[in-house]
């Protein structure tokens, strides 16, 4: 703390410092009278508080930068589907600063022109949920390489997650699309059912047998096959797309089915309408949504079975 003698008015200079770190100087002036001892003590206290806040702000900035880098590293791009399938995806994490959370989409190429489409939702938000999300995605890619039916993929994912006590539970919906046969085979681990948009732009939900979430070790998953022609768009989504605080889930799903879409809308246009119509600009929960439509067959041959 210093004063400036001989100046036209009293000046008090107090360093903004905490520990060995110095951030500047607090300069106080007044017309008259000179600074008293009480004035000096108050200025010193203000300088200490200001230095402490500056230190905390800089530490927060450093930590936030590290978290952003880690979140960027956890953002795994989904695989590429077969050319016979048009796919669009969107992801919106909850919170203004989050880049990634526990919701995810994935596509895996299978044999004979089939593609596995997956959406998952890890319990919780933020970085911890994102770490478990990457673990589930890695396990899915490994398991899906064996080309198992959707319900058996879920069973293996459940076994893997249940063997790790710290792994958070997750819901998951798997759809195996076969455009050549115009079929989709679905299996669910505690997840909401998918929607289908038809050629008239009307929306309906597909029935799926629902098993327990992944990580419980209970198993009990089943697959069910539906017809899906090239004029229909299949939509897989996490609950953040439809759920609203204080609203029953049946009401939330009904609001989804009340949406109408432009005739022959592309998967990208379907997602645009979904996100706008359901008001997801500032979601209360993470949102992951995937839309897929098979391309019309150009010949009448069917894939050779193994």
C-alpha atoms as a PDB file:
ATOM      1  CA  UNK A   1       0.000   0.000   0.000  1.00  0.00           C
ATOM      2  CA  UNK A   2       1.411   3.361  -1.032  1.00  0.00           C
ATOM      3  CA  UNK A   3       0.305   6.980  -1.154  1.00  0.00           C
ATOM      4  CA  UNK A   4       1.362   9.669  -3.602  1.00  0.00           C
ATOM      5  CA  UNK A   5       2.795  12.690  -1.731  1.00  0.00           C
ATOM      6  CA  UNK A   6       2.587  16.160  -3.231  1.00  0.00           C
ATOM      7  CA  UNK A   7      -0.319  15.320  -5.542  1.00  0.00           C
ATOM      8  CA  UNK A   8      -3.240  17.714  -5.881  1.00  0.00           C
ATOM      9  CA  UNK A   9      -5.525  15.188  -4.196  1.00  0.00           C
ATOM     10  CA  UNK A  10      -4.961  12.188  -1.910  1.00  0.00           C
ATOM     11  CA  UNK A  11      -4.174   8.931  -3.772  1.00  0.00           C
ATOM     12  CA  UNK A  12      -4.034   5.446  -2.261  1.00  0.00           C
ATOM     13  CA  UNK A  13      -2.492   2.518  -4.199  1.00  0.00           C
ATOM     14  CA  UNK A  14      -3.078  -1.054  -2.977  1.00  0.00           C
ATOM     15  CA  UNK A  15      -1.688  -4.122  -4.804  1.00  0.00           C
ATOM     16  CA  UNK A  16      -4.233  -6.700  -6.065  1.00  0.00           C
ATOM     17  CA  UNK A  17      -2.409  -9.770  -4.818  1.00  0.00           C
ATOM     18  CA  UNK A  18      -3.117 -13.145  -3.267  1.00  0.00           C
ATOM     19  CA  UNK A  19      -0.271 -15.375  -2.194  1.00  0.00           C
ATOM     20  CA  UNK A  20       2.537 -14.986  -4.716  1.00  0.00           C
ATOM     21  CA  UNK A  21       0.189 -13.920  -7.512  1.00  0.00           C
ATOM     22  CA  UNK A  22      -0.237 -10.230  -8.350  1.00  0.00           C
ATOM     23  CA  UNK A  23      -2.955  -9.042 -10.737  1.00  0.00           C
ATOM     24  CA  UNK A  24      -2.552  -5.276 -10.699  1.00  0.00           C
ATOM     25  CA  UNK A  25      -3.111  -2.315  -8.450  1.00  0.00           C
ATOM     26  CA  UNK A  26      -6.198  -0.791  -6.889  1.00  0.00           C
ATOM     27  CA  UNK A  27      -5.944   3.018  -7.136  1.00  0.00           C
ATOM     28  CA  UNK A  28      -8.214   5.123  -4.922  1.00  0.00           C
ATOM     29  CA  UNK A  29      -8.464   8.932  -5.027  1.00  0.00           C
ATOM     30  CA  UNK A  30     -10.557  11.542  -3.291  1.00  0.00           C
ATOM     31  CA  UNK A  31     -10.770  15.308  -3.229  1.00  0.00           C
ATOM     32  CA  UNK A  32     -10.591  15.899   0.528  1.00  0.00           C
ATOM     33  CA  UNK A  33      -9.801  15.053   3.272  1.00  0.00           C
ATOM     34  CA  UNK A  34      -6.788  12.675   3.361  1.00  0.00           C
ATOM     35  CA  UNK A  35      -7.371   8.917   3.752  1.00  0.00           C
ATOM     36  CA  UNK A  36      -7.843   7.753   7.322  1.00  0.00           C
ATOM     37  CA  UNK A  37      -6.615   4.471   8.741  1.00  0.00           C
ATOM     38  CA  UNK A  38     -10.150   3.056   8.435  1.00  0.00           C
ATOM     39  CA  UNK A  39     -10.255   4.096   4.758  1.00  0.00           C
ATOM     40  CA  UNK A  40      -6.952   2.345   4.191  1.00  0.00           C
ATOM     41  CA  UNK A  41      -8.134  -0.871   5.885  1.00  0.00           C
ATOM     42  CA  UNK A  42     -11.307  -0.885   3.757  1.00  0.00           C
ATOM     43  CA  UNK A  43      -9.274  -0.447   0.544  1.00  0.00           C
ATOM     44  CA  UNK A  44      -6.929  -3.259   1.554  1.00  0.00           C
ATOM     45  CA  UNK A  45      -9.924  -5.542   2.199  1.00  0.00           C
ATOM     46  CA  UNK A  46     -11.463  -4.648  -1.165  1.00  0.00           C
ATOM     47  CA  UNK A  47      -8.150  -5.362  -2.924  1.00  0.00           C
ATOM     48  CA  UNK A  48      -7.841  -8.773  -1.237  1.00  0.00           C
ATOM     49  CA  UNK A  49     -11.419  -9.705  -2.211  1.00  0.00           C
ATOM     50  CA  UNK A  50     -10.898  -8.523  -5.783  1.00  0.00           C
ATOM     51  CA  UNK A  51      -7.643 -10.488  -6.100  1.00  0.00           C
ATOM     52  CA  UNK A  52      -9.341 -13.622  -4.779  1.00  0.00           C
ATOM     53  CA  UNK A  53     -12.195 -13.297  -7.308  1.00  0.00           C
ATOM     54  CA  UNK A  54      -9.724 -12.744 -10.150  1.00  0.00           C
ATOM     55  CA  UNK A  55      -7.792 -15.866  -9.136  1.00  0.00           C
ATOM     56  CA  UNK A  56     -10.976 -17.952  -8.998  1.00  0.00           C
ATOM     57  CA  UNK A  57     -12.119 -16.611 -12.377  1.00  0.00           C
ATOM     58  CA  UNK A  58      -8.807 -17.521 -14.008  1.00  0.00           C
ATOM     59  CA  UNK A  59      -8.810 -20.980 -12.449  1.00  0.00           C
ATOM     60  CA  UNK A  60     -12.384 -21.511 -13.672  1.00  0.00           C
ATOM     61  CA  UNK A  61     -11.351 -20.419 -17.153  1.00  0.00           C
ATOM     62  CA  UNK A  62      -8.478 -22.902 -17.170  1.00  0.00           C
ATOM     63  CA  UNK A  63     -10.670 -25.754 -15.936  1.00  0.00           C
ATOM     64  CA  UNK A  64     -13.414 -24.881 -18.424  1.00  0.00           C
ATOM     65  CA  UNK A  65     -10.851 -24.960 -21.224  1.00  0.00           C
ATOM     66  CA  UNK A  66      -9.666 -28.416 -20.158  1.00  0.00           C
ATOM     67  CA  UNK A  67     -13.259 -29.687 -19.944  1.00  0.00           C
ATOM     68  CA  UNK A  68     -14.034 -28.306 -23.412  1.00  0.00           C
ATOM     69  CA  UNK A  69     -10.987 -30.095 -24.841  1.00  0.00           C
ATOM     70  CA  UNK A  70     -11.999 -33.329 -23.130  1.00  0.00           C
ATOM     71  CA  UNK A  71     -15.574 -33.024 -24.353  1.00  0.00           C
ATOM     72  CA  UNK A  72     -14.328 -32.448 -27.894  1.00  0.00           C
ATOM     73  CA  UNK A  73     -12.227 -35.607 -27.612  1.00  0.00           C
ATOM     74  CA  UNK A  74     -15.332 -37.532 -26.505  1.00  0.00           C
ATOM     75  CA  UNK A  75     -17.382 -36.441 -29.513  1.00  0.00           C
ATOM     76  CA  UNK A  76     -17.210 -39.575 -31.605  1.00  0.00           C
ATOM     77  CA  UNK A  77     -18.589 -39.364 -35.126  1.00  0.00           C
ATOM     78  CA  UNK A  78     -21.048 -42.160 -35.964  1.00  0.00           C
ATOM     79  CA  UNK A  79     -20.254 -44.729 -38.611  1.00  0.00           C
ATOM     80  CA  UNK A  80     -21.461 -44.488 -42.186  1.00  0.00           C
ATOM     81  CA  UNK A  81     -24.566 -46.430 -43.264  1.00  0.00           C
ATOM     82  CA  UNK A  82     -24.869 -48.346 -46.520  1.00  0.00           C
ATOM     83  CA  UNK A  83     -25.563 -46.218 -49.643  1.00  0.00           C
ATOM     84  CA  UNK A  84     -29.061 -47.753 -49.811  1.00  0.00           C
ATOM     85  CA  UNK A  85     -30.074 -45.770 -46.733  1.00  0.00           C
ATOM     86  CA  UNK A  86     -30.466 -41.996 -46.263  1.00  0.00           C
ATOM     87  CA  UNK A  87     -29.667 -41.022 -42.664  1.00  0.00           C
ATOM     88  CA  UNK A  88     -29.714 -37.681 -40.823  1.00  0.00           C
ATOM     89  CA  UNK A  89     -28.747 -37.058 -37.186  1.00  0.00           C
ATOM     90  CA  UNK A  90     -28.926 -34.176 -34.722  1.00  0.00           C
ATOM     91  CA  UNK A  91     -27.553 -33.789 -31.225  1.00  0.00           C
ATOM     92  CA  UNK A  92     -28.251 -31.035 -28.702  1.00  0.00           C
ATOM     93  CA  UNK A  93     -26.759 -31.303 -25.201  1.00  0.00           C
ATOM     94  CA  UNK A  94     -28.509 -29.736 -22.220  1.00  0.00           C
ATOM     95  CA  UNK A  95     -26.841 -26.590 -20.898  1.00  0.00           C
ATOM     96  CA  UNK A  96     -25.230 -23.624 -22.587  1.00  0.00           C
ATOM     97  CA  UNK A  97     -21.591 -24.717 -22.216  1.00  0.00           C
ATOM     98  CA  UNK A  98     -21.853 -28.467 -22.782  1.00  0.00           C
ATOM     99  CA  UNK A  99     -20.528 -29.941 -26.015  1.00  0.00           C
ATOM    100  CA  UNK A 100     -21.418 -33.533 -25.293  1.00  0.00           C
ATOM    101  CA  UNK A 101     -23.489 -35.497 -22.804  1.00  0.00           C
ATOM    102  CA  UNK A 102     -24.870 -38.975 -22.285  1.00  0.00           C
ATOM    103  CA  UNK A 103     -27.095 -39.223 -25.396  1.00  0.00           C
ATOM    104  CA  UNK A 104     -25.742 -40.674 -28.627  1.00  0.00           C
ATOM    105  CA  UNK A 105     -26.540 -42.001 -32.095  1.00  0.00           C
ATOM    106  CA  UNK A 106     -24.680 -44.666 -34.019  1.00  0.00           C
ATOM    107  CA  UNK A 107     -24.832 -46.450 -37.379  1.00  0.00           C
ATOM    108  CA  UNK A 108     -23.063 -49.723 -38.153  1.00  0.00           C
ATOM    109  CA  UNK A 109     -22.831 -51.393 -41.559  1.00  0.00           C
ATOM    110  CA  UNK A 110     -23.812 -55.050 -41.596  1.00  0.00           C
ATOM    111  CA  UNK A 111     -23.739 -57.752 -44.275  1.00  0.00           C
ATOM    112  CA  UNK A 112     -26.139 -57.887 -47.239  1.00  0.00           C
ATOM    113  CA  UNK A 113     -26.855 -54.147 -47.339  1.00  0.00           C
ATOM    114  CA  UNK A 114     -28.315 -53.973 -43.838  1.00  0.00           C
ATOM    115  CA  UNK A 115     -27.524 -51.155 -41.391  1.00  0.00           C
ATOM    116  CA  UNK A 116     -27.790 -51.088 -37.620  1.00  0.00           C
ATOM    117  CA  UNK A 117     -29.187 -47.808 -36.251  1.00  0.00           C
ATOM    118  CA  UNK A 118     -28.812 -47.092 -32.545  1.00  0.00           C
ATOM    119  CA  UNK A 119     -29.764 -44.366 -30.082  1.00  0.00           C
ATOM    120  CA  UNK A 120     -28.772 -44.475 -26.421  1.00  0.00           C
ATOM    121  CA  UNK A 121     -29.238 -42.388 -23.299  1.00  0.00           C
ATOM    122  CA  UNK A 122     -26.879 -42.700 -20.334  1.00  0.00           C
ATOM    123  CA  UNK A 123     -28.307 -41.712 -16.954  1.00  0.00           C
ATOM    124  CA  UNK A 124     -27.248 -38.212 -15.898  1.00  0.00           C
ATOM    125  CA  UNK A 125     -25.648 -35.294 -17.703  1.00  0.00           C
ATOM    126  CA  UNK A 126     -22.316 -33.677 -18.312  1.00  0.00           C
ATOM    127  CA  UNK A 127     -18.830 -35.049 -18.507  1.00  0.00           C
ATOM    128  CA  UNK A 128     -19.371 -38.141 -16.365  1.00  0.00           C
ATOM    129  CA  UNK A 129     -22.293 -39.290 -18.515  1.00  0.00           C
ATOM    130  CA  UNK A 130     -20.257 -38.540 -21.663  1.00  0.00           C
ATOM    131  CA  UNK A 131     -17.431 -40.803 -20.487  1.00  0.00           C
ATOM    132  CA  UNK A 132     -19.845 -43.714 -20.004  1.00  0.00           C
ATOM    133  CA  UNK A 133     -21.483 -42.869 -23.334  1.00  0.00           C
ATOM    134  CA  UNK A 134     -18.194 -43.469 -25.154  1.00  0.00           C
ATOM    135  CA  UNK A 135     -17.809 -46.790 -23.340  1.00  0.00           C
ATOM    136  CA  UNK A 136     -21.256 -47.937 -24.483  1.00  0.00           C
ATOM    137  CA  UNK A 137     -20.546 -46.852 -28.065  1.00  0.00           C
ATOM    138  CA  UNK A 138     -17.240 -48.702 -28.122  1.00  0.00           C
ATOM    139  CA  UNK A 139     -18.893 -51.848 -26.765  1.00  0.00           C
ATOM    140  CA  UNK A 140     -21.679 -51.528 -29.335  1.00  0.00           C
ATOM    141  CA  UNK A 141     -19.276 -51.282 -32.272  1.00  0.00           C
ATOM    142  CA  UNK A 142     -17.392 -54.338 -31.046  1.00  0.00           C
ATOM    143  CA  UNK A 143     -20.565 -56.367 -30.430  1.00  0.00           C
ATOM    144  CA  UNK A 144     -22.286 -55.316 -33.657  1.00  0.00           C
ATOM    145  CA  UNK A 145     -19.348 -56.591 -35.712  1.00  0.00           C
ATOM    146  CA  UNK A 146     -20.597 -60.129 -35.012  1.00  0.00           C
ATOM    147  CA  UNK A 147     -23.853 -59.298 -36.896  1.00  0.00           C
ATOM    148  CA  UNK A 148     -26.115 -60.534 -34.097  1.00  0.00           C
ATOM    149  CA  UNK A 149     -29.879 -59.866 -33.933  1.00  0.00           C
ATOM    150  CA  UNK A 150     -30.729 -56.612 -32.113  1.00  0.00           C
ATOM    151  CA  UNK A 151     -31.929 -58.337 -28.925  1.00  0.00           C
ATOM    152  CA  UNK A 152     -28.677 -60.306 -28.645  1.00  0.00           C
ATOM    153  CA  UNK A 153     -26.647 -57.140 -29.143  1.00  0.00           C
ATOM    154  CA  UNK A 154     -28.522 -55.613 -26.202  1.00  0.00           C
ATOM    155  CA  UNK A 155     -27.917 -58.723 -24.112  1.00  0.00           C
ATOM    156  CA  UNK A 156     -24.174 -58.527 -24.658  1.00  0.00           C
ATOM    157  CA  UNK A 157     -24.103 -54.788 -23.958  1.00  0.00           C
ATOM    158  CA  UNK A 158     -26.013 -55.420 -20.736  1.00  0.00           C
ATOM    159  CA  UNK A 159     -23.550 -58.119 -19.654  1.00  0.00           C
ATOM    160  CA  UNK A 160     -20.571 -55.846 -20.347  1.00  0.00           C
ATOM    161  CA  UNK A 161     -22.084 -52.872 -18.475  1.00  0.00           C
ATOM    162  CA  UNK A 162     -23.230 -54.997 -15.519  1.00  0.00           C
ATOM    163  CA  UNK A 163     -19.674 -56.293 -15.046  1.00  0.00           C
ATOM    164  CA  UNK A 164     -18.439 -52.743 -14.397  1.00  0.00           C
ATOM    165  CA  UNK A 165     -19.878 -51.473 -11.079  1.00  0.00           C
ATOM    166  CA  UNK A 166     -19.134 -47.812 -11.818  1.00  0.00           C
ATOM    167  CA  UNK A 167     -20.844 -47.830 -15.226  1.00  0.00           C
ATOM    168  CA  UNK A 168     -24.037 -45.773 -15.278  1.00  0.00           C
ATOM    169  CA  UNK A 169     -27.195 -47.498 -16.544  1.00  0.00           C
ATOM    170  CA  UNK A 170     -28.429 -46.516 -19.997  1.00  0.00           C
ATOM    171  CA  UNK A 171     -31.467 -46.971 -22.181  1.00  0.00           C
ATOM    172  CA  UNK A 172     -30.929 -48.043 -25.773  1.00  0.00           C
ATOM    173  CA  UNK A 173     -32.956 -48.678 -28.921  1.00  0.00           C
ATOM    174  CA  UNK A 174     -31.564 -50.727 -31.798  1.00  0.00           C
ATOM    175  CA  UNK A 175     -33.069 -50.871 -35.282  1.00  0.00           C
ATOM    176  CA  UNK A 176     -31.683 -53.180 -37.966  1.00  0.00           C
ATOM    177  CA  UNK A 177     -32.882 -51.894 -41.319  1.00  0.00           C
ATOM    178  CA  UNK A 178     -32.944 -54.136 -44.374  1.00  0.00           C
ATOM    179  CA  UNK A 179     -33.952 -51.909 -47.329  1.00  0.00           C
ATOM    180  CA  UNK A 180     -33.899 -54.808 -49.785  1.00  0.00           C
ATOM    181  CA  UNK A 181     -36.562 -56.678 -47.804  1.00  0.00           C
ATOM    182  CA  UNK A 182     -38.274 -53.451 -46.700  1.00  0.00           C
ATOM    183  CA  UNK A 183     -38.029 -54.488 -43.046  1.00  0.00           C
ATOM    184  CA  UNK A 184     -36.854 -53.081 -39.743  1.00  0.00           C
ATOM    185  CA  UNK A 185     -36.132 -55.265 -36.701  1.00  0.00           C
ATOM    186  CA  UNK A 186     -36.272 -53.464 -33.356  1.00  0.00           C
ATOM    187  CA  UNK A 187     -35.186 -54.196 -29.779  1.00  0.00           C
ATOM    188  CA  UNK A 188     -35.351 -51.874 -26.772  1.00  0.00           C
ATOM    189  CA  UNK A 189     -33.567 -51.627 -23.431  1.00  0.00           C
ATOM    190  CA  UNK A 190     -35.919 -49.345 -21.510  1.00  0.00           C
ATOM    191  CA  UNK A 191     -36.082 -46.848 -24.378  1.00  0.00           C
ATOM    192  CA  UNK A 192     -38.962 -44.946 -25.948  1.00  0.00           C
ATOM    193  CA  UNK A 193     -40.415 -46.421 -29.149  1.00  0.00           C
ATOM    194  CA  UNK A 194     -39.429 -45.081 -32.579  1.00  0.00           C
ATOM    195  CA  UNK A 195     -41.729 -43.063 -34.813  1.00  0.00           C
ATOM    196  CA  UNK A 196     -42.560 -43.556 -38.478  1.00  0.00           C
ATOM    197  CA  UNK A 197     -43.488 -40.749 -40.870  1.00  0.00           C
ATOM    198  CA  UNK A 198     -45.508 -41.970 -43.861  1.00  0.00           C
ATOM    199  CA  UNK A 199     -45.893 -40.543 -47.366  1.00  0.00           C
ATOM    200  CA  UNK A 200     -48.744 -38.245 -46.263  1.00  0.00           C
ATOM    201  CA  UNK A 201     -46.618 -36.727 -43.502  1.00  0.00           C
ATOM    202  CA  UNK A 202     -48.499 -38.484 -40.711  1.00  0.00           C
ATOM    203  CA  UNK A 203     -46.636 -39.775 -37.641  1.00  0.00           C
ATOM    204  CA  UNK A 204     -47.165 -42.980 -35.686  1.00  0.00           C
ATOM    205  CA  UNK A 205     -45.222 -45.010 -33.130  1.00  0.00           C
ATOM    206  CA  UNK A 206     -43.963 -48.559 -33.684  1.00  0.00           C
ATOM    207  CA  UNK A 207     -44.564 -51.190 -31.024  1.00  0.00           C
ATOM    208  CA  UNK A 208     -41.342 -52.584 -29.544  1.00  0.00           C
ATOM    209  CA  UNK A 209     -40.910 -55.151 -26.730  1.00  0.00           C
ATOM    210  CA  UNK A 210     -39.178 -53.227 -23.921  1.00  0.00           C
ATOM    211  CA  UNK A 211     -36.543 -54.854 -21.733  1.00  0.00           C
ATOM    212  CA  UNK A 212     -34.698 -53.378 -18.732  1.00  0.00           C
ATOM    213  CA  UNK A 213     -32.046 -50.652 -19.148  1.00  0.00           C
ATOM    214  CA  UNK A 214     -28.477 -51.672 -19.889  1.00  0.00           C
ATOM    215  CA  UNK A 215     -26.282 -52.275 -16.881  1.00  0.00           C
ATOM    216  CA  UNK A 216     -28.863 -54.076 -14.742  1.00  0.00           C
ATOM    217  CA  UNK A 217     -27.675 -57.550 -15.747  1.00  0.00           C
ATOM    218  CA  UNK A 218     -31.280 -58.741 -16.041  1.00  0.00           C
ATOM    219  CA  UNK A 219     -31.391 -59.362 -19.801  1.00  0.00           C
ATOM    220  CA  UNK A 220     -34.773 -60.377 -21.183  1.00  0.00           C
ATOM    221  CA  UNK A 221     -34.616 -58.512 -24.508  1.00  0.00           C
ATOM    222  CA  UNK A 222     -36.717 -59.369 -27.555  1.00  0.00           C
ATOM    223  CA  UNK A 223     -36.705 -58.364 -31.213  1.00  0.00           C
ATOM    224  CA  UNK A 224     -39.748 -57.503 -33.315  1.00  0.00           C
ATOM    225  CA  UNK A 225     -39.860 -56.961 -37.079  1.00  0.00           C
ATOM    226  CA  UNK A 226     -42.014 -54.390 -38.916  1.00  0.00           C
ATOM    227  CA  UNK A 227     -42.489 -53.615 -42.581  1.00  0.00           C
ATOM    228  CA  UNK A 228     -40.737 -50.390 -43.614  1.00  0.00           C
ATOM    229  CA  UNK A 229     -41.084 -49.381 -47.237  1.00  0.00           C
ATOM    230  CA  UNK A 230     -38.910 -46.742 -48.933  1.00  0.00           C
ATOM    231  CA  UNK A 231     -41.651 -44.111 -48.655  1.00  0.00           C
ATOM    232  CA  UNK A 232     -41.527 -44.178 -44.831  1.00  0.00           C
ATOM    233  CA  UNK A 233     -39.025 -42.414 -42.588  1.00  0.00           C
ATOM    234  CA  UNK A 234     -37.978 -44.103 -39.353  1.00  0.00           C
ATOM    235  CA  UNK A 235     -37.164 -41.759 -36.451  1.00  0.00           C
ATOM    236  CA  UNK A 236     -35.210 -42.869 -33.369  1.00  0.00           C
ATOM    237  CA  UNK A 237     -34.860 -40.382 -30.514  1.00  0.00           C
ATOM    238  CA  UNK A 238     -33.944 -39.977 -26.853  1.00  0.00           C
ATOM    239  CA  UNK A 239     -36.457 -38.773 -24.280  1.00  0.00           C
ATOM    240  CA  UNK A 240     -35.048 -35.236 -24.246  1.00  0.00           C
ATOM    241  CA  UNK A 241     -36.789 -34.652 -27.583  1.00  0.00           C
ATOM    242  CA  UNK A 242     -40.295 -35.108 -26.180  1.00  0.00           C
ATOM    243  CA  UNK A 243     -40.283 -35.097 -22.379  1.00  0.00           C
ATOM    244  CA  UNK A 244     -41.199 -31.928 -20.515  1.00  0.00           C
ATOM    245  CA  UNK A 245     -41.067 -31.314 -16.777  1.00  0.00           C
ATOM    246  CA  UNK A 246     -44.397 -32.078 -15.088  1.00  0.00           C
ATOM    247  CA  UNK A 247     -45.873 -33.732 -18.199  1.00  0.00           C
ATOM    248  CA  UNK A 248     -46.922 -37.375 -18.503  1.00  0.00           C
ATOM    249  CA  UNK A 249     -44.836 -39.305 -21.034  1.00  0.00           C
ATOM    250  CA  UNK A 250     -47.948 -40.459 -22.898  1.00  0.00           C
ATOM    251  CA  UNK A 251     -48.915 -36.836 -23.411  1.00  0.00           C
ATOM    252  CA  UNK A 252     -45.385 -36.060 -24.601  1.00  0.00           C
ATOM    253  CA  UNK A 253     -45.489 -38.865 -27.161  1.00  0.00           C
ATOM    254  CA  UNK A 254     -48.954 -37.796 -28.292  1.00  0.00           C
ATOM    255  CA  UNK A 255     -47.582 -34.321 -29.012  1.00  0.00           C
ATOM    256  CA  UNK A 256     -44.996 -35.985 -31.258  1.00  0.00           C
ATOM    257  CA  UNK A 257     -47.592 -37.976 -33.174  1.00  0.00           C
ATOM    258  CA  UNK A 258     -49.652 -34.822 -33.729  1.00  0.00           C
ATOM    259  CA  UNK A 259     -46.859 -33.312 -35.832  1.00  0.00           C
ATOM    260  CA  UNK A 260     -47.320 -33.353 -39.597  1.00  0.00           C
ATOM    261  CA  UNK A 261     -44.554 -33.260 -42.168  1.00  0.00           C
ATOM    262  CA  UNK A 262     -44.285 -32.129 -45.752  1.00  0.00           C
ATOM    263  CA  UNK A 263     -45.030 -34.825 -48.317  1.00  0.00           C
ATOM    264  CA  UNK A 264     -41.876 -36.710 -49.305  1.00  0.00           C
ATOM    265  CA  UNK A 265     -39.776 -34.746 -46.799  1.00  0.00           C
ATOM    266  CA  UNK A 266     -36.146 -35.853 -46.668  1.00  0.00           C
ATOM    267  CA  UNK A 267     -34.687 -37.178 -43.374  1.00  0.00           C
ATOM    268  CA  UNK A 268     -32.971 -33.813 -42.871  1.00  0.00           C
ATOM    269  CA  UNK A 269     -36.277 -31.977 -43.363  1.00  0.00           C
ATOM    270  CA  UNK A 270     -38.023 -34.388 -40.994  1.00  0.00           C
ATOM    271  CA  UNK A 271     -35.500 -33.530 -38.273  1.00  0.00           C
ATOM    272  CA  UNK A 272     -35.889 -29.811 -38.922  1.00  0.00           C
ATOM    273  CA  UNK A 273     -39.642 -30.084 -38.435  1.00  0.00           C
ATOM    274  CA  UNK A 274     -39.249 -32.273 -35.347  1.00  0.00           C
ATOM    275  CA  UNK A 275     -36.826 -29.984 -33.558  1.00  0.00           C
ATOM    276  CA  UNK A 276     -38.787 -26.847 -34.426  1.00  0.00           C
ATOM    277  CA  UNK A 277     -42.204 -28.316 -33.681  1.00  0.00           C
ATOM    278  CA  UNK A 278     -41.155 -29.704 -30.303  1.00  0.00           C
ATOM    279  CA  UNK A 279     -39.248 -26.583 -29.227  1.00  0.00           C
ATOM    280  CA  UNK A 280     -35.754 -27.910 -28.540  1.00  0.00           C
ATOM    281  CA  UNK A 281     -33.772 -24.676 -28.828  1.00  0.00           C
ATOM    282  CA  UNK A 282     -32.931 -24.852 -25.107  1.00  0.00           C
ATOM    283  CA  UNK A 283     -33.596 -28.480 -24.118  1.00  0.00           C
ATOM    284  CA  UNK A 284     -34.110 -29.476 -20.479  1.00  0.00           C
ATOM    285  CA  UNK A 285     -32.337 -32.749 -21.243  1.00  0.00           C
ATOM    286  CA  UNK A 286     -29.848 -33.981 -23.841  1.00  0.00           C
ATOM    287  CA  UNK A 287     -31.422 -34.634 -27.241  1.00  0.00           C
ATOM    288  CA  UNK A 288     -30.240 -37.156 -29.804  1.00  0.00           C
ATOM    289  CA  UNK A 289     -32.410 -37.932 -32.827  1.00  0.00           C
ATOM    290  CA  UNK A 290     -31.861 -39.959 -35.984  1.00  0.00           C
ATOM    291  CA  UNK A 291     -34.020 -40.201 -39.117  1.00  0.00           C
ATOM    292  CA  UNK A 292     -33.546 -42.862 -41.800  1.00  0.00           C
ATOM    293  CA  UNK A 293     -35.242 -43.798 -45.049  1.00  0.00           C
ATOM    294  CA  UNK A 294     -34.400 -46.669 -47.372  1.00  0.00           C
ATOM    295  CA  UNK A 295     -33.852 -45.970 -51.032  1.00  0.00           C
ATOM    296  CA  UNK A 296     -36.136 -47.659 -53.534  1.00  0.00           C
ATOM    297  CA  UNK A 297     -34.780 -50.851 -55.065  1.00  0.00           C
ATOM    298  CA  UNK A 298     -33.726 -50.655 -58.698  1.00  0.00           C
ATOM    299  CA  UNK A 299     -34.107 -54.387 -59.360  1.00  0.00           C
ATOM    300  CA  UNK A 300     -36.061 -57.296 -57.983  1.00  0.00           C
ATOM    301  CA  UNK A 301     -33.230 -59.410 -56.620  1.00  0.00           C
ATOM    302  CA  UNK A 302     -32.917 -60.112 -52.921  1.00  0.00           C
ATOM    303  CA  UNK A 303     -29.679 -60.481 -50.977  1.00  0.00           C
ATOM    304  CA  UNK A 304     -28.123 -63.891 -50.648  1.00  0.00           C
ATOM    305  CA  UNK A 305     -28.526 -65.314 -47.148  1.00  0.00           C
ATOM    306  CA  UNK A 306     -25.717 -66.939 -45.249  1.00  0.00           C
END
